[in-house]
Amino acid sequence: MFKSDFMESLSKVKYYVPLIVYIPVIGYLFYKSFAEINMSVISFAGWFLLGLAIWTITEYILHRYVFHFEPDVAWGKKIHFIFHGVHHDYPNDANRLVMPPSASIPMALGFYFLFDWLLPETKVYPFFSGFMIGYLFYDMVHYALHHANFKSGFWKKLKQHHMLHHYSDSTKGYGVSWTFWDHIFKSNFDKR
C-alpha cells in the first residue's frame, strides 16, 4: 500500500495488539474508579454500561459515515482507501482486520478528551472503560467474523450480516459487533 516500509508497517497489525495496548489502559481506569475515587460498584456499573452503549452507536456512525465516506478528490480517495477501502478490497488480509495503534491511539485520545470534557468530574473513568471494552469487542469480533467458523446461530447470523456487507451491498450492514443500529436506521439487509 505504501512505498515506505515504515509506513506500510504502521498500516498492519496482528489481531491481539489492541488487547496488549488497551487492556492495561482499561485496568488503570478501573483502578482510578475504585482505588482513587472510591466509586461505588453501582455507580461504576451505570457509567460503564453507558460507555458501552455509546460505543455501539459510535461503531455504527464511524463505519457508516466516516469509513464509508469517499470524497470526490484524488487525495480523499487515497485516504479512504488507506483507512477502509483496502479492507473491502482485501477482506481476508489477517493483518488489516483490526485498527492499527497508529490510528486507534489518536482516535482513542480524542474520544477520551471529548468525554472528559462532556461528563461530570471523574465519571470518564468508568464510562471510558466501558467504551474501550466495546471497542476491543468490536475489533475481536471483526477479526473472528473473517476467520472463524461458527457453530452457534447468533454468531453465524452476525457473520452472515457482515459478509453481506462485504460481498453483496456495502451500503448496508454497518453494524459489525452489534446490528441493533442497522435495524433502527433501516440499513439492514432484506430478510430474503
N, C-alpha and C. Protein backbone atom coordinates (compact mmCIF):
# COMPACT_ATOMS: atom_id res chain seq x y z
N MET A 1 0.81 -1.19 0.00
CA MET A 1 0.00 0.00 0.00
C MET A 1 0.87 1.26 0.00
N PHE A 2 2.02 1.20 0.65
CA PHE A 2 2.93 2.35 0.72
C PHE A 2 4.27 1.97 0.12
N LYS A 3 4.98 2.97 -0.41
CA LYS A 3 6.34 2.73 -0.92
C LYS A 3 7.32 2.58 0.24
N SER A 4 7.04 3.26 1.33
CA SER A 4 7.90 3.21 2.50
C SER A 4 7.57 1.98 3.35
N ASP A 5 8.59 1.19 3.68
CA ASP A 5 8.38 0.02 4.55
C ASP A 5 7.88 0.44 5.93
N PHE A 6 8.36 1.59 6.42
CA PHE A 6 7.93 2.07 7.72
C PHE A 6 6.44 2.39 7.71
N MET A 7 5.99 3.13 6.69
CA MET A 7 4.57 3.47 6.60
C MET A 7 3.72 2.21 6.42
N GLU A 8 4.21 1.28 5.65
CA GLU A 8 3.49 0.01 5.44
C GLU A 8 3.33 -0.72 6.77
N SER A 9 4.39 -0.73 7.59
CA SER A 9 4.32 -1.43 8.88
C SER A 9 3.29 -0.79 9.81
N LEU A 10 3.08 0.52 9.69
CA LEU A 10 2.10 1.21 10.53
C LEU A 10 0.66 0.88 10.14
N SER A 11 0.49 0.32 8.94
CA SER A 11 -0.87 0.04 8.46
C SER A 11 -1.30 -1.41 8.72
N LYS A 12 -0.42 -2.21 9.27
CA LYS A 12 -0.72 -3.61 9.52
C LYS A 12 -0.59 -3.91 11.01
N VAL A 13 -1.40 -4.85 11.48
CA VAL A 13 -1.34 -5.19 12.90
C VAL A 13 -1.91 -6.59 13.11
N LYS A 14 -1.33 -7.32 14.02
CA LYS A 14 -1.87 -8.62 14.42
C LYS A 14 -3.10 -8.39 15.29
N TYR A 15 -4.03 -9.32 15.25
CA TYR A 15 -5.32 -9.14 15.93
C TYR A 15 -5.20 -8.91 17.43
N TYR A 16 -4.15 -9.41 18.07
CA TYR A 16 -4.03 -9.32 19.52
C TYR A 16 -3.40 -8.01 20.00
N VAL A 17 -2.85 -7.21 19.10
CA VAL A 17 -2.17 -5.97 19.51
C VAL A 17 -3.10 -5.00 20.24
N PRO A 18 -4.35 -4.77 19.76
CA PRO A 18 -5.22 -3.87 20.54
C PRO A 18 -5.44 -4.34 21.98
N LEU A 19 -5.46 -5.65 22.20
CA LEU A 19 -5.61 -6.17 23.56
C LEU A 19 -4.41 -5.78 24.42
N ILE A 20 -3.21 -5.91 23.86
CA ILE A 20 -1.98 -5.56 24.57
C ILE A 20 -1.94 -4.06 24.89
N VAL A 21 -2.43 -3.24 23.95
CA VAL A 21 -2.39 -1.79 24.13
C VAL A 21 -3.45 -1.32 25.12
N TYR A 22 -4.68 -1.83 25.00
CA TYR A 22 -5.80 -1.22 25.72
C TYR A 22 -6.22 -1.92 27.02
N ILE A 23 -5.91 -3.18 27.20
CA ILE A 23 -6.28 -3.82 28.48
C ILE A 23 -5.59 -3.14 29.67
N PRO A 24 -4.31 -2.78 29.57
CA PRO A 24 -3.71 -2.04 30.70
C PRO A 24 -4.38 -0.68 30.93
N VAL A 25 -4.79 -0.01 29.85
CA VAL A 25 -5.47 1.28 29.99
C VAL A 25 -6.80 1.08 30.72
N ILE A 26 -7.54 0.06 30.32
CA ILE A 26 -8.82 -0.24 30.98
C ILE A 26 -8.59 -0.59 32.45
N GLY A 27 -7.57 -1.38 32.72
CA GLY A 27 -7.22 -1.71 34.11
C GLY A 27 -6.92 -0.46 34.92
N TYR A 28 -6.20 0.48 34.32
CA TYR A 28 -5.88 1.74 35.00
C TYR A 28 -7.15 2.54 35.29
N LEU A 29 -8.09 2.54 34.35
CA LEU A 29 -9.36 3.25 34.55
C LEU A 29 -10.17 2.61 35.68
N PHE A 30 -10.14 1.28 35.77
CA PHE A 30 -10.78 0.58 36.89
C PHE A 30 -10.12 1.00 38.21
N TYR A 31 -8.80 1.01 38.21
CA TYR A 31 -8.04 1.41 39.41
C TYR A 31 -8.42 2.83 39.84
N LYS A 32 -8.45 3.76 38.87
CA LYS A 32 -8.80 5.15 39.18
C LYS A 32 -10.19 5.22 39.79
N SER A 33 -11.12 4.43 39.22
CA SER A 33 -12.51 4.46 39.68
C SER A 33 -12.66 3.94 41.10
N PHE A 34 -12.03 2.81 41.37
CA PHE A 34 -12.26 2.15 42.66
C PHE A 34 -11.25 2.54 43.74
N ALA A 35 -9.97 2.59 43.40
CA ALA A 35 -8.94 2.83 44.41
C ALA A 35 -8.73 4.31 44.71
N GLU A 36 -8.83 5.15 43.69
CA GLU A 36 -8.52 6.57 43.92
C GLU A 36 -9.75 7.40 44.28
N ILE A 37 -10.88 7.14 43.61
CA ILE A 37 -12.04 7.99 43.92
C ILE A 37 -13.14 7.23 44.66
N ASN A 38 -12.86 5.96 44.99
CA ASN A 38 -13.79 5.15 45.79
C ASN A 38 -15.23 5.14 45.24
N MET A 39 -15.35 4.96 43.96
CA MET A 39 -16.66 4.92 43.31
C MET A 39 -17.39 3.66 43.73
N SER A 40 -18.69 3.76 43.95
CA SER A 40 -19.48 2.58 44.30
C SER A 40 -19.62 1.67 43.09
N VAL A 41 -19.84 0.41 43.35
CA VAL A 41 -19.99 -0.56 42.26
C VAL A 41 -21.20 -0.20 41.40
N ILE A 42 -22.27 0.23 42.01
CA ILE A 42 -23.50 0.59 41.28
C ILE A 42 -23.24 1.78 40.37
N SER A 43 -22.59 2.80 40.89
CA SER A 43 -22.27 3.98 40.08
C SER A 43 -21.34 3.59 38.93
N PHE A 44 -20.31 2.80 39.26
CA PHE A 44 -19.38 2.35 38.23
C PHE A 44 -20.13 1.59 37.13
N ALA A 45 -20.98 0.66 37.53
CA ALA A 45 -21.70 -0.17 36.56
C ALA A 45 -22.58 0.68 35.65
N GLY A 46 -23.24 1.68 36.21
CA GLY A 46 -24.09 2.55 35.40
C GLY A 46 -23.31 3.32 34.36
N TRP A 47 -22.21 3.95 34.78
CA TRP A 47 -21.39 4.70 33.83
C TRP A 47 -20.69 3.79 32.84
N PHE A 48 -20.24 2.62 33.31
CA PHE A 48 -19.61 1.63 32.43
C PHE A 48 -20.58 1.21 31.33
N LEU A 49 -21.81 0.86 31.71
CA LEU A 49 -22.81 0.41 30.73
C LEU A 49 -23.19 1.54 29.77
N LEU A 50 -23.21 2.77 30.27
CA LEU A 50 -23.47 3.90 29.38
C LEU A 50 -22.35 4.04 28.34
N GLY A 51 -21.11 3.89 28.78
CA GLY A 51 -19.97 3.94 27.86
C GLY A 51 -20.04 2.84 26.82
N LEU A 52 -20.43 1.65 27.24
CA LEU A 52 -20.58 0.53 26.32
C LEU A 52 -21.69 0.82 25.30
N ALA A 53 -22.80 1.36 25.77
CA ALA A 53 -23.91 1.70 24.87
C ALA A 53 -23.50 2.78 23.87
N ILE A 54 -22.77 3.79 24.35
CA ILE A 54 -22.32 4.86 23.44
C ILE A 54 -21.34 4.29 22.42
N TRP A 55 -20.53 3.30 22.82
CA TRP A 55 -19.66 2.67 21.84
C TRP A 55 -20.47 2.08 20.68
N THR A 56 -21.60 1.43 20.96
CA THR A 56 -22.34 0.75 19.89
C THR A 56 -22.80 1.74 18.82
N ILE A 57 -23.28 2.91 19.22
CA ILE A 57 -23.69 3.91 18.23
C ILE A 57 -22.47 4.55 17.57
N THR A 58 -21.38 4.68 18.31
CA THR A 58 -20.15 5.23 17.74
C THR A 58 -19.61 4.29 16.67
N GLU A 59 -19.62 2.98 16.94
CA GLU A 59 -19.18 1.99 15.95
C GLU A 59 -19.99 2.15 14.66
N TYR A 60 -21.30 2.25 14.80
CA TYR A 60 -22.17 2.38 13.63
C TYR A 60 -21.88 3.67 12.86
N ILE A 61 -21.81 4.79 13.57
CA ILE A 61 -21.58 6.09 12.91
C ILE A 61 -20.22 6.12 12.23
N LEU A 62 -19.18 5.66 12.93
CA LEU A 62 -17.85 5.64 12.31
C LEU A 62 -17.84 4.79 11.05
N HIS A 63 -18.42 3.59 11.12
CA HIS A 63 -18.39 2.71 9.96
C HIS A 63 -19.20 3.28 8.81
N ARG A 64 -20.38 3.78 9.11
CA ARG A 64 -21.25 4.26 8.03
C ARG A 64 -20.80 5.60 7.46
N TYR A 65 -20.52 6.56 8.32
CA TYR A 65 -20.31 7.93 7.85
C TYR A 65 -18.85 8.36 7.74
N VAL A 66 -17.94 7.67 8.40
CA VAL A 66 -16.53 8.02 8.30
C VAL A 66 -15.79 7.03 7.41
N PHE A 67 -15.85 5.74 7.75
CA PHE A 67 -15.11 4.75 6.97
C PHE A 67 -15.65 4.58 5.55
N HIS A 68 -16.94 4.83 5.35
CA HIS A 68 -17.52 4.69 4.02
C HIS A 68 -17.72 6.02 3.30
N PHE A 69 -17.19 7.09 3.87
CA PHE A 69 -17.24 8.39 3.18
C PHE A 69 -16.10 8.42 2.18
N GLU A 70 -16.45 8.61 0.91
CA GLU A 70 -15.42 8.63 -0.13
C GLU A 70 -15.51 9.95 -0.88
N PRO A 71 -14.61 10.89 -0.58
CA PRO A 71 -14.62 12.19 -1.26
C PRO A 71 -14.37 12.05 -2.76
N ASP A 72 -14.72 13.07 -3.51
CA ASP A 72 -14.55 13.04 -4.96
C ASP A 72 -13.14 13.39 -5.40
N VAL A 73 -12.35 13.98 -4.52
CA VAL A 73 -10.99 14.39 -4.89
C VAL A 73 -10.01 13.22 -4.75
N ALA A 74 -8.94 13.24 -5.53
CA ALA A 74 -7.98 12.13 -5.57
C ALA A 74 -7.36 11.86 -4.20
N TRP A 75 -6.93 12.90 -3.49
CA TRP A 75 -6.29 12.69 -2.18
C TRP A 75 -7.30 12.11 -1.18
N GLY A 76 -8.57 12.50 -1.30
CA GLY A 76 -9.61 11.96 -0.43
C GLY A 76 -9.85 10.49 -0.70
N LYS A 77 -9.81 10.11 -1.98
CA LYS A 77 -9.97 8.69 -2.34
C LYS A 77 -8.81 7.87 -1.77
N LYS A 78 -7.62 8.44 -1.80
CA LYS A 78 -6.44 7.75 -1.26
C LYS A 78 -6.58 7.54 0.25
N ILE A 79 -7.01 8.58 0.95
CA ILE A 79 -7.20 8.46 2.41
C ILE A 79 -8.28 7.43 2.71
N HIS A 80 -9.38 7.47 1.97
CA HIS A 80 -10.45 6.48 2.16
C HIS A 80 -9.91 5.07 1.95
N PHE A 81 -9.11 4.88 0.90
CA PHE A 81 -8.56 3.55 0.64
C PHE A 81 -7.66 3.09 1.78
N ILE A 82 -6.82 3.98 2.29
CA ILE A 82 -5.91 3.63 3.38
C ILE A 82 -6.68 3.23 4.64
N PHE A 83 -7.74 4.00 4.97
CA PHE A 83 -8.46 3.74 6.21
C PHE A 83 -9.44 2.58 6.13
N HIS A 84 -10.12 2.41 4.99
CA HIS A 84 -11.13 1.37 4.96
C HIS A 84 -11.26 0.66 3.61
N GLY A 85 -10.95 1.36 2.55
CA GLY A 85 -11.10 0.76 1.22
C GLY A 85 -10.26 -0.48 1.03
N VAL A 86 -9.05 -0.48 1.57
CA VAL A 86 -8.17 -1.64 1.45
C VAL A 86 -8.82 -2.87 2.10
N HIS A 87 -9.55 -2.65 3.18
CA HIS A 87 -10.21 -3.77 3.85
C HIS A 87 -11.30 -4.37 2.96
N HIS A 88 -11.99 -3.54 2.21
CA HIS A 88 -13.02 -4.05 1.31
C HIS A 88 -12.40 -4.72 0.09
N ASP A 89 -11.24 -4.24 -0.34
CA ASP A 89 -10.56 -4.87 -1.48
C ASP A 89 -9.91 -6.19 -1.09
N TYR A 90 -9.41 -6.28 0.14
CA TYR A 90 -8.75 -7.48 0.65
C TYR A 90 -9.35 -7.86 2.01
N PRO A 91 -10.60 -8.33 2.02
CA PRO A 91 -11.30 -8.52 3.29
C PRO A 91 -10.74 -9.62 4.18
N ASN A 92 -9.92 -10.51 3.65
CA ASN A 92 -9.39 -11.59 4.48
C ASN A 92 -7.91 -11.41 4.82
N ASP A 93 -7.37 -10.23 4.58
CA ASP A 93 -5.99 -9.94 4.98
C ASP A 93 -5.96 -9.87 6.50
N ALA A 94 -5.40 -10.88 7.12
CA ALA A 94 -5.42 -11.02 8.59
C ALA A 94 -4.73 -9.86 9.30
N ASN A 95 -3.85 -9.14 8.61
CA ASN A 95 -3.14 -8.03 9.25
C ASN A 95 -3.84 -6.69 9.07
N ARG A 96 -5.02 -6.70 8.46
CA ARG A 96 -5.75 -5.44 8.26
C ARG A 96 -7.20 -5.56 8.74
N LEU A 97 -7.42 -6.36 9.77
CA LEU A 97 -8.78 -6.57 10.28
C LEU A 97 -9.06 -5.84 11.59
N VAL A 98 -8.03 -5.44 12.29
CA VAL A 98 -8.21 -4.62 13.49
C VAL A 98 -7.49 -3.31 13.24
N MET A 99 -7.92 -2.28 13.94
CA MET A 99 -7.35 -0.96 13.71
C MET A 99 -5.93 -0.88 14.28
N PRO A 100 -4.96 -0.46 13.46
CA PRO A 100 -3.59 -0.35 13.98
C PRO A 100 -3.49 0.75 15.04
N PRO A 101 -2.60 0.58 16.01
CA PRO A 101 -2.44 1.60 17.04
C PRO A 101 -2.10 2.98 16.47
N SER A 102 -1.46 3.04 15.30
CA SER A 102 -1.14 4.33 14.69
C SER A 102 -2.40 5.13 14.39
N ALA A 103 -3.54 4.46 14.23
CA ALA A 103 -4.82 5.14 14.02
C ALA A 103 -5.68 5.12 15.28
N SER A 104 -5.67 3.99 16.01
CA SER A 104 -6.59 3.86 17.15
C SER A 104 -6.17 4.70 18.35
N ILE A 105 -4.89 4.87 18.59
CA ILE A 105 -4.45 5.65 19.76
C ILE A 105 -4.85 7.13 19.62
N PRO A 106 -4.56 7.79 18.48
CA PRO A 106 -5.03 9.18 18.36
C PRO A 106 -6.55 9.30 18.46
N MET A 107 -7.27 8.33 17.87
CA MET A 107 -8.72 8.36 17.93
C MET A 107 -9.20 8.17 19.38
N ALA A 108 -8.60 7.22 20.09
CA ALA A 108 -8.97 6.97 21.49
C ALA A 108 -8.69 8.20 22.35
N LEU A 109 -7.57 8.84 22.14
CA LEU A 109 -7.24 10.05 22.91
C LEU A 109 -8.27 11.16 22.63
N GLY A 110 -8.64 11.30 21.37
CA GLY A 110 -9.64 12.31 21.02
C GLY A 110 -10.97 12.04 21.72
N PHE A 111 -11.41 10.79 21.71
CA PHE A 111 -12.65 10.43 22.40
C PHE A 111 -12.52 10.63 23.91
N TYR A 112 -11.37 10.24 24.47
CA TYR A 112 -11.19 10.39 25.91
C TYR A 112 -11.34 11.86 26.32
N PHE A 113 -10.63 12.75 25.62
CA PHE A 113 -10.69 14.17 25.98
C PHE A 113 -12.07 14.76 25.74
N LEU A 114 -12.76 14.30 24.70
CA LEU A 114 -14.13 14.75 24.46
C LEU A 114 -15.03 14.34 25.62
N PHE A 115 -14.96 13.06 26.01
CA PHE A 115 -15.81 12.58 27.10
C PHE A 115 -15.43 13.21 28.43
N ASP A 116 -14.13 13.43 28.66
CA ASP A 116 -13.69 14.07 29.90
C ASP A 116 -14.25 15.49 29.99
N TRP A 117 -14.36 16.16 28.85
CA TRP A 117 -14.91 17.50 28.80
C TRP A 117 -16.43 17.48 29.01
N LEU A 118 -17.12 16.47 28.43
CA LEU A 118 -18.58 16.40 28.47
C LEU A 118 -19.15 15.86 29.79
N LEU A 119 -18.46 14.93 30.40
CA LEU A 119 -19.01 14.20 31.55
C LEU A 119 -18.68 14.88 32.88
N PRO A 120 -19.49 14.61 33.91
CA PRO A 120 -19.15 15.13 35.25
C PRO A 120 -17.78 14.61 35.69
N GLU A 121 -17.16 15.35 36.57
CA GLU A 121 -15.80 15.03 37.03
C GLU A 121 -15.68 13.57 37.48
N THR A 122 -14.64 12.90 37.05
CA THR A 122 -14.25 11.51 37.36
C THR A 122 -15.15 10.45 36.73
N LYS A 123 -16.28 10.82 36.14
CA LYS A 123 -17.17 9.80 35.52
C LYS A 123 -16.57 9.25 34.24
N VAL A 124 -15.58 9.94 33.70
CA VAL A 124 -14.94 9.47 32.47
C VAL A 124 -14.24 8.13 32.70
N TYR A 125 -13.79 7.84 33.92
CA TYR A 125 -13.06 6.59 34.17
C TYR A 125 -13.92 5.36 33.91
N PRO A 126 -15.07 5.22 34.55
CA PRO A 126 -15.88 4.04 34.25
C PRO A 126 -16.52 4.11 32.86
N PHE A 127 -16.92 5.30 32.44
CA PHE A 127 -17.54 5.47 31.12
C PHE A 127 -16.58 5.03 30.02
N PHE A 128 -15.35 5.55 30.09
CA PHE A 128 -14.39 5.25 29.03
C PHE A 128 -13.92 3.80 29.08
N SER A 129 -13.90 3.19 30.26
CA SER A 129 -13.54 1.77 30.31
C SER A 129 -14.61 0.95 29.59
N GLY A 130 -15.90 1.29 29.74
CA GLY A 130 -16.96 0.61 29.01
C GLY A 130 -16.85 0.86 27.52
N PHE A 131 -16.56 2.10 27.15
CA PHE A 131 -16.39 2.48 25.74
C PHE A 131 -15.25 1.67 25.12
N MET A 132 -14.12 1.56 25.83
CA MET A 132 -12.95 0.85 25.29
C MET A 132 -13.18 -0.66 25.25
N ILE A 133 -13.89 -1.22 26.20
CA ILE A 133 -14.21 -2.65 26.12
C ILE A 133 -15.12 -2.90 24.92
N GLY A 134 -16.03 -1.96 24.65
CA GLY A 134 -16.84 -2.06 23.45
C GLY A 134 -15.99 -2.05 22.20
N TYR A 135 -14.99 -1.16 22.16
CA TYR A 135 -14.08 -1.10 21.02
C TYR A 135 -13.29 -2.42 20.87
N LEU A 136 -12.75 -2.93 21.97
CA LEU A 136 -11.99 -4.19 21.88
C LEU A 136 -12.89 -5.34 21.42
N PHE A 137 -14.11 -5.38 21.93
CA PHE A 137 -15.06 -6.41 21.49
C PHE A 137 -15.29 -6.29 19.99
N TYR A 138 -15.48 -5.07 19.51
CA TYR A 138 -15.66 -4.83 18.07
C TYR A 138 -14.46 -5.36 17.27
N ASP A 139 -13.26 -5.00 17.68
CA ASP A 139 -12.06 -5.44 16.94
C ASP A 139 -11.93 -6.96 16.94
N MET A 140 -12.15 -7.60 18.10
CA MET A 140 -12.01 -9.06 18.17
C MET A 140 -13.13 -9.76 17.38
N VAL A 141 -14.34 -9.23 17.48
CA VAL A 141 -15.45 -9.81 16.71
C VAL A 141 -15.19 -9.66 15.22
N HIS A 142 -14.71 -8.48 14.81
CA HIS A 142 -14.44 -8.26 13.39
C HIS A 142 -13.43 -9.26 12.86
N TYR A 143 -12.37 -9.47 13.62
CA TYR A 143 -11.37 -10.45 13.21
C TYR A 143 -12.00 -11.84 13.11
N ALA A 144 -12.76 -12.23 14.12
CA ALA A 144 -13.38 -13.56 14.15
C ALA A 144 -14.38 -13.74 13.02
N LEU A 145 -15.13 -12.70 12.68
CA LEU A 145 -16.11 -12.82 11.60
C LEU A 145 -15.44 -13.17 10.27
N HIS A 146 -14.21 -12.75 10.10
CA HIS A 146 -13.49 -13.04 8.86
C HIS A 146 -12.73 -14.36 8.90
N HIS A 147 -12.44 -14.87 10.10
CA HIS A 147 -11.55 -16.04 10.18
C HIS A 147 -12.08 -17.23 10.96
N ALA A 148 -13.21 -17.11 11.61
CA ALA A 148 -13.71 -18.24 12.42
C ALA A 148 -14.88 -18.92 11.71
N ASN A 149 -15.02 -20.21 11.97
CA ASN A 149 -16.18 -20.97 11.51
C ASN A 149 -17.07 -21.19 12.72
N PHE A 150 -18.17 -20.48 12.75
CA PHE A 150 -19.05 -20.51 13.92
C PHE A 150 -20.07 -21.63 13.81
N LYS A 151 -20.43 -22.19 14.95
CA LYS A 151 -21.46 -23.23 15.04
C LYS A 151 -22.76 -22.65 15.61
N SER A 152 -22.62 -21.64 16.47
CA SER A 152 -23.77 -21.04 17.15
C SER A 152 -24.59 -20.19 16.17
N GLY A 153 -25.90 -20.22 16.34
CA GLY A 153 -26.79 -19.45 15.47
C GLY A 153 -26.54 -17.96 15.52
N PHE A 154 -26.32 -17.40 16.74
CA PHE A 154 -26.08 -15.97 16.88
C PHE A 154 -24.86 -15.54 16.07
N TRP A 155 -23.74 -16.24 16.27
CA TRP A 155 -22.50 -15.87 15.60
C TRP A 155 -22.58 -16.12 14.10
N LYS A 156 -23.28 -17.17 13.69
CA LYS A 156 -23.45 -17.42 12.25
C LYS A 156 -24.25 -16.29 11.60
N LYS A 157 -25.28 -15.81 12.29
CA LYS A 157 -26.09 -14.71 11.76
C LYS A 157 -25.28 -13.42 11.69
N LEU A 158 -24.47 -13.18 12.72
CA LEU A 158 -23.63 -11.98 12.72
C LEU A 158 -22.61 -12.04 11.58
N LYS A 159 -22.03 -13.22 11.37
CA LYS A 159 -21.07 -13.37 10.28
C LYS A 159 -21.76 -13.17 8.93
N GLN A 160 -22.94 -13.74 8.77
CA GLN A 160 -23.67 -13.57 7.51
C GLN A 160 -23.94 -12.09 7.26
N HIS A 161 -24.35 -11.39 8.31
CA HIS A 161 -24.63 -9.96 8.22
C HIS A 161 -23.40 -9.21 7.70
N HIS A 162 -22.25 -9.51 8.27
CA HIS A 162 -21.02 -8.81 7.88
C HIS A 162 -20.55 -9.22 6.49
N MET A 163 -20.69 -10.50 6.16
CA MET A 163 -20.29 -10.95 4.82
C MET A 163 -21.18 -10.34 3.73
N LEU A 164 -22.46 -10.15 4.04
CA LEU A 164 -23.35 -9.47 3.08
C LEU A 164 -22.87 -8.03 2.86
N HIS A 165 -22.40 -7.39 3.93
CA HIS A 165 -21.84 -6.03 3.80
C HIS A 165 -20.65 -6.03 2.84
N HIS A 166 -19.81 -7.06 2.95
CA HIS A 166 -18.62 -7.12 2.09
C HIS A 166 -18.93 -7.58 0.68
N TYR A 167 -19.75 -8.59 0.53
CA TYR A 167 -19.86 -9.26 -0.76
C TYR A 167 -21.17 -9.03 -1.50
N SER A 168 -22.14 -8.36 -0.85
CA SER A 168 -23.42 -8.15 -1.51
C SER A 168 -23.73 -6.66 -1.68
N ASP A 169 -23.70 -5.91 -0.58
CA ASP A 169 -24.08 -4.49 -0.63
C ASP A 169 -23.38 -3.74 0.50
N SER A 170 -22.33 -3.01 0.15
CA SER A 170 -21.56 -2.29 1.18
C SER A 170 -22.26 -1.02 1.65
N THR A 171 -23.46 -0.73 1.10
CA THR A 171 -24.22 0.43 1.57
C THR A 171 -25.22 0.03 2.66
N LYS A 172 -25.11 -1.20 3.14
CA LYS A 172 -25.96 -1.69 4.22
C LYS A 172 -25.10 -2.50 5.19
N GLY A 173 -25.67 -2.77 6.36
CA GLY A 173 -24.99 -3.65 7.32
C GLY A 173 -23.75 -3.04 7.93
N TYR A 174 -23.88 -1.84 8.49
CA TYR A 174 -22.71 -1.16 9.06
C TYR A 174 -22.37 -1.64 10.47
N GLY A 175 -23.32 -2.24 11.15
CA GLY A 175 -23.02 -2.78 12.47
C GLY A 175 -22.16 -4.02 12.34
N VAL A 176 -21.07 -4.06 13.06
CA VAL A 176 -20.16 -5.21 12.99
C VAL A 176 -20.36 -6.10 14.21
N SER A 177 -20.18 -5.54 15.39
CA SER A 177 -20.33 -6.35 16.60
C SER A 177 -21.74 -6.24 17.18
N TRP A 178 -22.55 -5.35 16.63
CA TRP A 178 -23.87 -5.10 17.16
C TRP A 178 -24.73 -4.60 16.00
N THR A 179 -25.75 -5.34 15.60
CA THR A 179 -26.56 -4.97 14.43
C THR A 179 -27.79 -4.14 14.79
N PHE A 180 -27.97 -3.82 16.05
CA PHE A 180 -29.13 -3.08 16.53
C PHE A 180 -29.37 -1.80 15.73
N TRP A 181 -28.32 -1.01 15.51
CA TRP A 181 -28.48 0.28 14.86
C TRP A 181 -28.82 0.14 13.38
N ASP A 182 -28.46 -0.96 12.76
CA ASP A 182 -28.88 -1.20 11.37
C ASP A 182 -30.40 -1.33 11.30
N HIS A 183 -30.99 -1.93 12.31
CA HIS A 183 -32.46 -2.04 12.35
C HIS A 183 -33.08 -0.67 12.59
N ILE A 184 -32.52 0.10 13.50
CA ILE A 184 -33.06 1.41 13.85
C ILE A 184 -32.98 2.38 12.66
N PHE A 185 -31.83 2.39 11.98
CA PHE A 185 -31.61 3.35 10.89
C PHE A 185 -31.91 2.77 9.51
N LYS A 186 -32.56 1.62 9.49
CA LYS A 186 -33.02 0.99 8.24
C LYS A 186 -31.89 0.76 7.22
N SER A 187 -30.75 0.33 7.74
CA SER A 187 -29.62 -0.01 6.87
C SER A 187 -29.33 -1.50 6.94
N ASN A 188 -30.34 -2.26 7.36
CA ASN A 188 -30.21 -3.71 7.45
C ASN A 188 -30.52 -4.33 6.09
N PHE A 189 -30.16 -5.59 5.93
CA PHE A 189 -30.44 -6.31 4.69
C PHE A 189 -31.86 -6.83 4.70
N ASP A 190 -32.44 -6.98 3.51
CA ASP A 190 -33.76 -7.58 3.40
C ASP A 190 -33.71 -8.99 3.95
N LYS A 191 -34.80 -9.46 4.51
CA LYS A 191 -34.86 -10.80 5.10
C LYS A 191 -34.47 -11.87 4.08
N ARG A 192 -34.89 -11.71 2.83
CA ARG A 192 -34.58 -12.73 1.82
C ARG A 192 -33.11 -12.77 1.52
